[in-house]
Amino acid sequence: MNFRASLKKSATKALLGAMKSVGVFSRSASSERRRAKLLILCYHGLSIDDEHEWLPKLFTTPEGFRQRLRALREMQANVLPLGEAVERLHAGSLPPNSVVITFDDGFYDFLKFGVPSLEEFRMPATLYLTTHYCDYRLPIVNLALDYLLWKSNRDFVTLPA
């Protein structure tokens, strides 16, 4: 992680810590507006190595994911399966602080880190499985090439003709 990214991360942590200490999150979580809504947390992947540094908007660390599950438990969130949550939303019978957890793609990282964490905290999740990659066991080329280019620390590469 470069200096600028480290500084930004430290500032974000400090701001979130300050907001927590003055009760912003607890007031928001217990508001009437929040109790009547369904929060859907969407994850793309859990970092096996350094993917969270490469694409932090798509990947979180396994420990970061566990911390989020712990926070959901501490705030007494009602983590529901997606189907049940949607039915209850339409029926007007959502329990307070309803949350759904979803994951895109169904890659190995979900099995290795996501499943054990979800089991530990006894929380359901919905997994969107990319069936094309089940039938054709190939990497997602644009992501694989972008990651390799990032790892090389180069802005471009010239391929032989």
Protein backbone atom coordinates (compact mmCIF):
# COMPACT_ATOMS: atom_id res chain seq x y z
CA MET A 1 0.00 0.00 0.00
CA ASN A 2 1.42 3.38 -0.96
CA PHE A 3 1.64 6.35 1.42
CA ARG A 4 -1.40 8.16 0.02
CA ALA A 5 -3.59 5.08 0.28
CA SER A 6 -2.34 4.43 3.81
CA LEU A 7 -3.06 8.03 4.83
CA LYS A 8 -6.55 7.85 3.32
CA LYS A 9 -7.24 4.59 5.14
CA SER A 10 -6.05 6.05 8.45
CA ALA A 11 -8.19 9.18 8.00
CA THR A 12 -11.24 7.08 7.14
CA LYS A 13 -10.71 4.89 10.22
CA ALA A 14 -10.34 7.98 12.42
CA LEU A 15 -13.52 9.54 11.02
CA LEU A 16 -15.53 6.33 11.44
CA GLY A 17 -14.17 5.95 14.99
CA ALA A 18 -15.22 9.49 15.85
CA MET A 19 -18.68 8.93 14.38
CA LYS A 20 -19.05 5.74 16.40
CA SER A 21 -17.94 7.41 19.64
CA VAL A 22 -20.59 10.13 19.37
CA GLY A 23 -23.32 7.58 18.59
CA VAL A 24 -24.03 8.34 14.92
CA PHE A 25 -24.24 4.67 13.97
CA SER A 26 -26.36 3.54 16.91
CA ARG A 27 -28.86 6.38 16.38
CA SER A 28 -29.03 5.63 12.68
CA ALA A 29 -29.41 1.87 13.21
CA SER A 30 -32.27 2.33 15.67
CA SER A 31 -34.13 4.99 13.71
CA GLU A 32 -37.70 4.32 12.62
CA ARG A 33 -36.68 4.81 9.00
CA ARG A 34 -33.97 2.14 9.21
CA ARG A 35 -36.19 -0.34 11.04
CA ALA A 36 -38.67 -0.32 8.15
CA LYS A 37 -36.05 -0.83 5.43
CA LEU A 38 -34.12 -3.80 4.08
CA LEU A 39 -30.36 -3.37 3.90
CA ILE A 40 -28.63 -5.54 1.29
CA LEU A 41 -24.87 -5.92 1.70
CA CYS A 42 -23.30 -6.93 -1.62
CA TYR A 43 -19.83 -8.44 -1.74
CA HIS A 44 -17.80 -9.36 -4.77
CA GLY A 45 -14.98 -11.30 -3.20
CA LEU A 46 -12.72 -11.98 -0.27
CA SER A 47 -9.03 -11.43 -0.76
CA ILE A 48 -6.95 -14.60 -0.95
CA ASP A 49 -3.72 -12.62 -1.23
CA ASP A 50 -3.56 -8.93 -2.10
CA GLU A 51 -6.69 -8.43 -4.18
CA HIS A 52 -8.02 -5.94 -1.59
CA GLU A 53 -5.04 -3.70 -2.41
CA TRP A 54 -5.58 -4.09 -6.16
CA LEU A 55 -9.35 -3.49 -6.21
CA PRO A 56 -10.53 -2.46 -2.74
CA LYS A 57 -14.02 -1.68 -4.03
CA LEU A 58 -14.46 -5.30 -5.11
CA PHE A 59 -12.44 -7.25 -2.54
CA THR A 60 -12.29 -7.13 1.23
CA THR A 61 -10.00 -9.10 3.50
CA PRO A 62 -11.38 -12.19 5.21
CA GLU A 63 -10.77 -10.53 8.59
CA GLY A 64 -12.57 -7.38 7.42
CA PHE A 65 -15.54 -9.54 6.45
CA ARG A 66 -15.51 -11.26 9.86
CA GLN A 67 -15.45 -7.84 11.54
CA ARG A 68 -18.52 -6.82 9.56
CA LEU A 69 -20.34 -10.00 10.57
CA ARG A 70 -19.36 -9.36 14.18
CA ALA A 71 -20.71 -5.80 13.89
CA LEU A 72 -24.01 -7.13 12.51
CA ARG A 73 -24.28 -9.47 15.48
CA GLU A 74 -23.45 -6.68 17.94
CA MET A 75 -26.07 -4.38 16.45
CA GLN A 76 -28.58 -7.24 16.66
CA ALA A 77 -29.27 -7.18 12.94
CA ASN A 78 -31.76 -9.71 11.64
CA VAL A 79 -29.78 -11.32 8.83
CA LEU A 80 -32.26 -13.04 6.54
CA PRO A 81 -32.04 -15.17 3.39
CA LEU A 82 -32.78 -13.04 0.34
CA GLY A 83 -36.02 -14.80 -0.64
CA GLU A 84 -37.50 -14.53 2.83
CA ALA A 85 -36.44 -10.91 3.16
CA VAL A 86 -38.07 -9.89 -0.13
CA GLU A 87 -41.30 -11.72 0.77
CA ARG A 88 -41.41 -10.07 4.19
CA LEU A 89 -40.59 -6.67 2.70
CA HIS A 90 -43.60 -6.93 0.37
CA ALA A 91 -45.79 -8.26 3.19
CA GLY A 92 -44.71 -5.44 5.52
CA SER A 93 -43.46 -7.93 8.11
CA LEU A 94 -39.72 -7.26 8.13
CA PRO A 95 -38.17 -7.54 11.57
CA PRO A 96 -36.23 -4.51 12.81
CA ASN A 97 -32.75 -4.00 11.34
CA SER A 98 -33.22 -6.51 8.53
CA VAL A 99 -30.12 -7.29 6.49
CA VAL A 100 -29.35 -9.57 3.55
CA ILE A 101 -25.81 -10.61 2.60
CA THR A 102 -25.04 -11.42 -1.05
CA PHE A 103 -21.90 -12.52 -2.90
CA ASP A 104 -21.22 -12.32 -6.61
CA ASP A 105 -19.57 -15.00 -8.70
CA GLY A 106 -19.07 -17.92 -6.30
CA PHE A 107 -15.33 -18.17 -6.60
CA TYR A 108 -13.02 -20.21 -4.39
CA ASP A 109 -12.53 -17.30 -1.97
CA PHE A 110 -16.18 -17.58 -0.92
CA LEU A 111 -15.78 -21.27 -0.11
CA LYS A 112 -12.44 -20.80 1.64
CA PHE A 113 -13.25 -17.71 3.74
CA GLY A 114 -16.91 -16.74 3.36
CA VAL A 115 -18.58 -20.04 4.22
CA PRO A 116 -16.61 -20.63 7.45
CA SER A 117 -17.23 -17.06 8.63
CA LEU A 118 -20.95 -17.22 7.83
CA GLU A 119 -21.20 -20.56 9.63
CA GLU A 120 -19.32 -19.19 12.63
CA PHE A 121 -21.74 -16.28 12.97
CA ARG A 122 -24.72 -18.42 11.88
CA MET A 123 -25.74 -16.00 9.15
CA PRO A 124 -27.22 -16.85 5.75
CA ALA A 125 -26.01 -15.41 2.47
CA THR A 126 -27.13 -15.54 -1.13
CA LEU A 127 -24.50 -16.57 -3.66
CA TYR A 128 -24.88 -15.53 -7.28
CA LEU A 129 -23.19 -18.25 -9.26
CA THR A 130 -21.73 -17.42 -12.65
CA THR A 131 -22.73 -20.63 -14.40
CA HIS A 132 -20.70 -19.88 -17.54
CA TYR A 133 -17.52 -20.31 -15.50
CA CYS A 134 -18.84 -23.57 -14.03
CA ASP A 135 -19.19 -24.99 -17.53
CA TYR A 136 -15.96 -23.43 -18.81
CA ARG A 137 -13.29 -23.35 -16.13
CA LEU A 138 -11.47 -20.30 -17.42
CA PRO A 139 -10.27 -17.13 -15.75
CA ILE A 140 -12.18 -13.91 -16.31
CA VAL A 141 -9.70 -12.55 -18.81
CA ASN A 142 -10.13 -8.81 -18.25
CA LEU A 143 -9.76 -9.21 -14.46
CA ALA A 144 -6.83 -11.61 -14.77
CA LEU A 145 -4.95 -9.33 -17.18
CA ASP A 146 -5.68 -6.23 -15.09
CA TYR A 147 -4.39 -7.99 -11.96
CA LEU A 148 -1.23 -9.19 -13.73
CA LEU A 149 -0.57 -5.70 -15.05
CA TRP A 150 -1.07 -4.27 -11.55
CA LYS A 151 1.33 -6.85 -10.10
CA SER A 152 3.97 -5.94 -12.69
CA ASN A 153 3.93 -2.25 -11.58
CA ARG A 154 3.82 -1.21 -15.23
CA ASP A 155 1.42 1.09 -16.98
CA PHE A 156 1.49 -0.98 -20.17
CA VAL A 157 3.22 -3.91 -21.82
CA THR A 158 4.19 -4.38 -25.41
CA LEU A 159 3.44 -7.78 -26.82
CA PRO A 160 5.41 -9.20 -29.74
CA ALA A 161 3.68 -9.06 -33.11
